[in-house]
């Protein structure tokens, strides 16, 4: 499975954010670049949330994503939020994944709105990585995590990504090094 950009251009008003991009995404791709250069726009194009002004975006299979904001259902627990993406596998798999990401006890069952930012981030990450998807788009997925928790979350994510393509958007060179793959500098 893969995603392919062919001559993709995206504009907002008179500003061209992406211009004539052509690239095939397979395996692990780490996308880096200065703020405001189109990284999140590229993610939105891949996910079908926006349309290019020129060119073509081709995605084979299903995608899962972690956005810059967590997009959890605030009234549902962390377990219930993750279980939403697990048709047929339910809460046991969600609970196991969250425990692997260092959430436990009452944090598994209280409403997501009452979780800390880092706990919400890990729930969003677990939901995306457990979803039955052929590709995963991760936009700054480890922001707000302390160094130890981020290291554990990166190792867990890397293991769960096996067998599908992954786009990691980050500003952090250490995260890029952990994930390896193809480094893509956008707009530098």
Protein backbone atom coordinates (compact mmCIF):
# COMPACT_ATOMS: atom_id res chain seq x y z
CA UNK A 1 0.00 0.00 0.00
CA UNK A 2 1.13 3.53 -0.65
CA UNK A 3 0.17 7.16 -1.22
CA UNK A 4 1.32 9.16 -4.21
CA UNK A 5 1.39 12.87 -4.92
CA UNK A 6 1.61 13.87 -8.56
CA UNK A 7 2.19 17.54 -9.33
CA UNK A 8 0.25 18.61 -6.23
CA UNK A 9 -0.28 22.32 -5.70
CA UNK A 10 -2.27 23.91 -2.88
CA UNK A 11 -3.06 27.59 -2.44
CA UNK A 12 -4.81 29.61 0.24
CA UNK A 13 -5.93 32.86 -1.30
CA UNK A 14 -2.92 34.27 -3.14
CA UNK A 15 -0.38 32.20 -1.19
CA UNK A 16 0.96 28.97 -2.65
CA UNK A 17 1.68 26.58 0.22
CA UNK A 18 2.60 23.50 -1.83
CA UNK A 19 3.85 23.78 -5.39
CA UNK A 20 4.06 20.90 -7.88
CA UNK A 21 4.93 18.16 -5.34
CA UNK A 22 5.56 14.70 -6.71
CA UNK A 23 6.42 11.89 -4.31
CA UNK A 24 5.46 8.33 -3.49
CA UNK A 25 5.06 7.44 0.19
CA UNK A 26 5.86 3.87 1.15
CA UNK A 27 7.39 2.47 4.32
CA UNK A 28 8.32 5.22 6.78
CA UNK A 29 8.62 8.82 5.65
CA UNK A 30 9.58 11.54 8.14
CA UNK A 31 8.43 14.98 7.02
CA UNK A 32 10.24 17.96 8.52
CA UNK A 33 10.39 21.65 7.74
CA UNK A 34 9.76 25.10 9.18
CA UNK A 35 6.32 26.04 10.49
CA UNK A 36 3.91 27.31 7.87
CA UNK A 37 5.47 25.41 4.96
CA UNK A 38 2.59 23.03 4.28
CA UNK A 39 3.26 19.94 6.39
CA UNK A 40 -0.20 19.82 7.97
CA UNK A 41 -1.77 20.83 4.66
CA UNK A 42 -0.06 17.85 3.05
CA UNK A 43 -1.49 15.58 5.77
CA UNK A 44 -4.98 17.00 5.17
CA UNK A 45 -4.63 16.37 1.43
CA UNK A 46 -3.57 12.75 2.00
CA UNK A 47 -6.51 12.22 4.34
CA UNK A 48 -8.96 13.69 1.83
CA UNK A 49 -9.89 16.58 4.13
CA UNK A 50 -8.82 19.07 1.49
CA UNK A 51 -8.52 18.95 -2.28
CA UNK A 52 -5.43 20.07 -4.20
CA UNK A 53 -5.71 23.09 -6.48
CA UNK A 54 -3.62 21.21 -9.00
CA UNK A 55 -2.28 17.71 -9.44
CA UNK A 56 -3.49 14.42 -8.00
CA UNK A 57 -3.37 12.63 -4.65
CA UNK A 58 -3.68 8.84 -4.83
CA UNK A 59 -4.06 6.76 -1.67
CA UNK A 60 -4.47 3.00 -1.72
CA UNK A 61 -6.22 1.37 1.20
CA UNK A 62 -7.50 2.92 4.39
CA UNK A 63 -5.80 5.59 6.50
CA UNK A 64 -5.67 6.41 10.19
CA UNK A 65 -4.35 9.64 11.65
CA UNK A 66 -3.20 11.53 14.70
CA UNK A 67 -3.83 15.23 14.20
CA UNK A 68 -2.05 18.07 15.99
CA UNK A 69 -5.12 18.25 18.22
CA UNK A 70 -6.28 14.98 19.76
CA UNK A 71 -9.89 14.87 18.48
CA UNK A 72 -11.15 12.55 21.19
CA UNK A 73 -14.81 12.27 22.18
CA UNK A 74 -14.59 14.18 25.49
CA UNK A 75 -17.44 12.31 27.20
CA UNK A 76 -15.97 8.86 26.45
CA UNK A 77 -13.19 7.22 28.43
CA UNK A 78 -9.73 6.65 26.97
CA UNK A 79 -10.63 2.97 26.51
CA UNK A 80 -13.92 3.80 24.77
CA UNK A 81 -12.19 6.34 22.49
CA UNK A 82 -9.65 3.75 21.35
CA UNK A 83 -12.29 1.02 21.04
CA UNK A 84 -14.16 3.19 18.50
CA UNK A 85 -11.47 2.24 15.97
CA UNK A 86 -11.50 -1.46 16.81
CA UNK A 87 -14.54 -3.08 15.25
CA UNK A 88 -14.88 -6.56 16.64
CA UNK A 89 -11.88 -6.33 18.98
CA UNK A 90 -13.39 -4.05 21.60
CA UNK A 91 -12.25 -2.74 24.88
CA UNK A 92 -9.74 -5.45 25.88
CA UNK A 93 -7.36 -4.54 23.03
CA UNK A 94 -7.85 -0.83 23.73
CA UNK A 95 -7.09 -1.31 27.44
CA UNK A 96 -3.97 -3.38 26.66
CA UNK A 97 -2.63 -0.73 24.24
CA UNK A 98 -3.23 2.10 26.68
CA UNK A 99 -1.49 0.18 29.45
CA UNK A 100 1.47 -0.36 27.12
CA UNK A 101 1.48 3.44 26.73
CA UNK A 102 1.56 3.89 30.54
CA UNK A 103 -2.10 4.72 31.22
CA UNK A 104 -3.62 2.72 34.03
CA UNK A 105 -6.16 2.65 36.83
CA UNK A 106 -8.88 5.26 36.81
CA UNK A 107 -7.23 7.10 33.90
CA UNK A 108 -8.50 4.34 31.62
CA UNK A 109 -12.13 4.89 32.56
CA UNK A 110 -12.60 8.59 33.32
CA UNK A 111 -13.90 10.90 30.56
CA UNK A 112 -11.22 11.99 28.10
CA UNK A 113 -12.01 15.62 28.93
CA UNK A 114 -10.57 14.99 32.41
CA UNK A 115 -7.31 13.45 31.21
CA UNK A 116 -4.08 15.43 31.05
CA UNK A 117 -2.87 16.58 27.65
CA UNK A 118 -0.25 13.83 27.53
CA UNK A 119 -2.82 11.18 28.45
CA UNK A 120 -5.16 12.42 25.73
CA UNK A 121 -2.27 12.35 23.28
CA UNK A 122 -1.53 8.71 24.06
CA UNK A 123 -5.21 7.78 23.67
CA UNK A 124 -5.28 9.46 20.25
CA UNK A 125 -2.07 7.65 19.28
CA UNK A 126 -3.41 4.26 20.42
CA UNK A 127 -6.63 4.80 18.46
CA UNK A 128 -4.76 5.59 15.25
CA UNK A 129 -2.19 2.84 15.55
CA UNK A 130 -4.73 0.12 16.36
CA UNK A 131 -7.20 1.13 13.65
CA UNK A 132 -7.38 -1.31 10.74
CA UNK A 133 -5.53 0.92 8.28
CA UNK A 134 -2.99 0.45 5.51
CA UNK A 135 -1.33 3.80 6.15
CA UNK A 136 -0.95 6.15 9.11
CA UNK A 137 -0.45 9.92 9.10
CA UNK A 138 1.00 11.25 12.36
CA UNK A 139 1.12 15.05 12.71
CA UNK A 140 3.31 15.93 15.72
CA UNK A 141 2.07 12.84 17.60
CA UNK A 142 4.49 13.04 20.53
CA UNK A 143 4.09 16.71 21.43
CA UNK A 144 3.31 17.30 25.08
CA UNK A 145 4.86 14.02 26.23
CA UNK A 146 7.77 14.02 28.64
CA UNK A 147 11.02 12.51 27.38
CA UNK A 148 10.55 9.08 28.97
CA UNK A 149 6.91 8.72 27.91
CA UNK A 150 7.72 9.96 24.39
CA UNK A 151 10.51 7.39 24.05
CA UNK A 152 8.17 4.59 25.08
CA UNK A 153 5.39 5.88 22.79
CA UNK A 154 7.79 6.11 19.83
CA UNK A 155 9.02 2.55 20.31
CA UNK A 156 5.43 1.30 20.63
CA UNK A 157 4.34 3.25 17.53
CA UNK A 158 7.28 2.00 15.48
CA UNK A 159 6.38 -1.60 16.36
CA UNK A 160 2.66 -1.09 15.55
CA UNK A 161 3.52 0.53 12.21
CA UNK A 162 5.10 -2.62 10.77
CA UNK A 163 3.48 -3.76 7.56
CA UNK A 164 1.99 -0.40 6.57
CA UNK A 165 3.24 2.95 5.38
CA UNK A 166 3.64 5.78 7.85
CA UNK A 167 4.10 9.52 7.48
CA UNK A 168 5.53 11.16 10.61
CA UNK A 169 5.41 14.95 10.67
CA UNK A 170 7.77 16.38 13.27
CA UNK A 171 10.11 19.25 14.08
CA UNK A 172 12.25 17.00 16.26
CA UNK A 173 15.41 15.50 14.69
CA UNK A 174 15.61 12.91 17.49
CA UNK A 175 12.15 11.60 16.58
CA UNK A 176 13.21 11.46 12.94
CA UNK A 177 16.25 9.40 13.93
CA UNK A 178 14.13 6.93 15.94
CA UNK A 179 11.80 6.30 13.00
CA UNK A 180 14.45 6.24 10.29
CA UNK A 181 12.99 5.73 6.85
CA UNK A 182 13.06 8.44 4.24
CA UNK A 183 13.64 12.00 5.44
CA UNK A 184 11.68 14.62 3.49
CA UNK A 185 12.48 18.29 4.12
CA UNK A 186 9.56 20.43 3.01
CA UNK A 187 10.02 24.09 2.23
CA UNK A 188 13.47 24.50 3.74
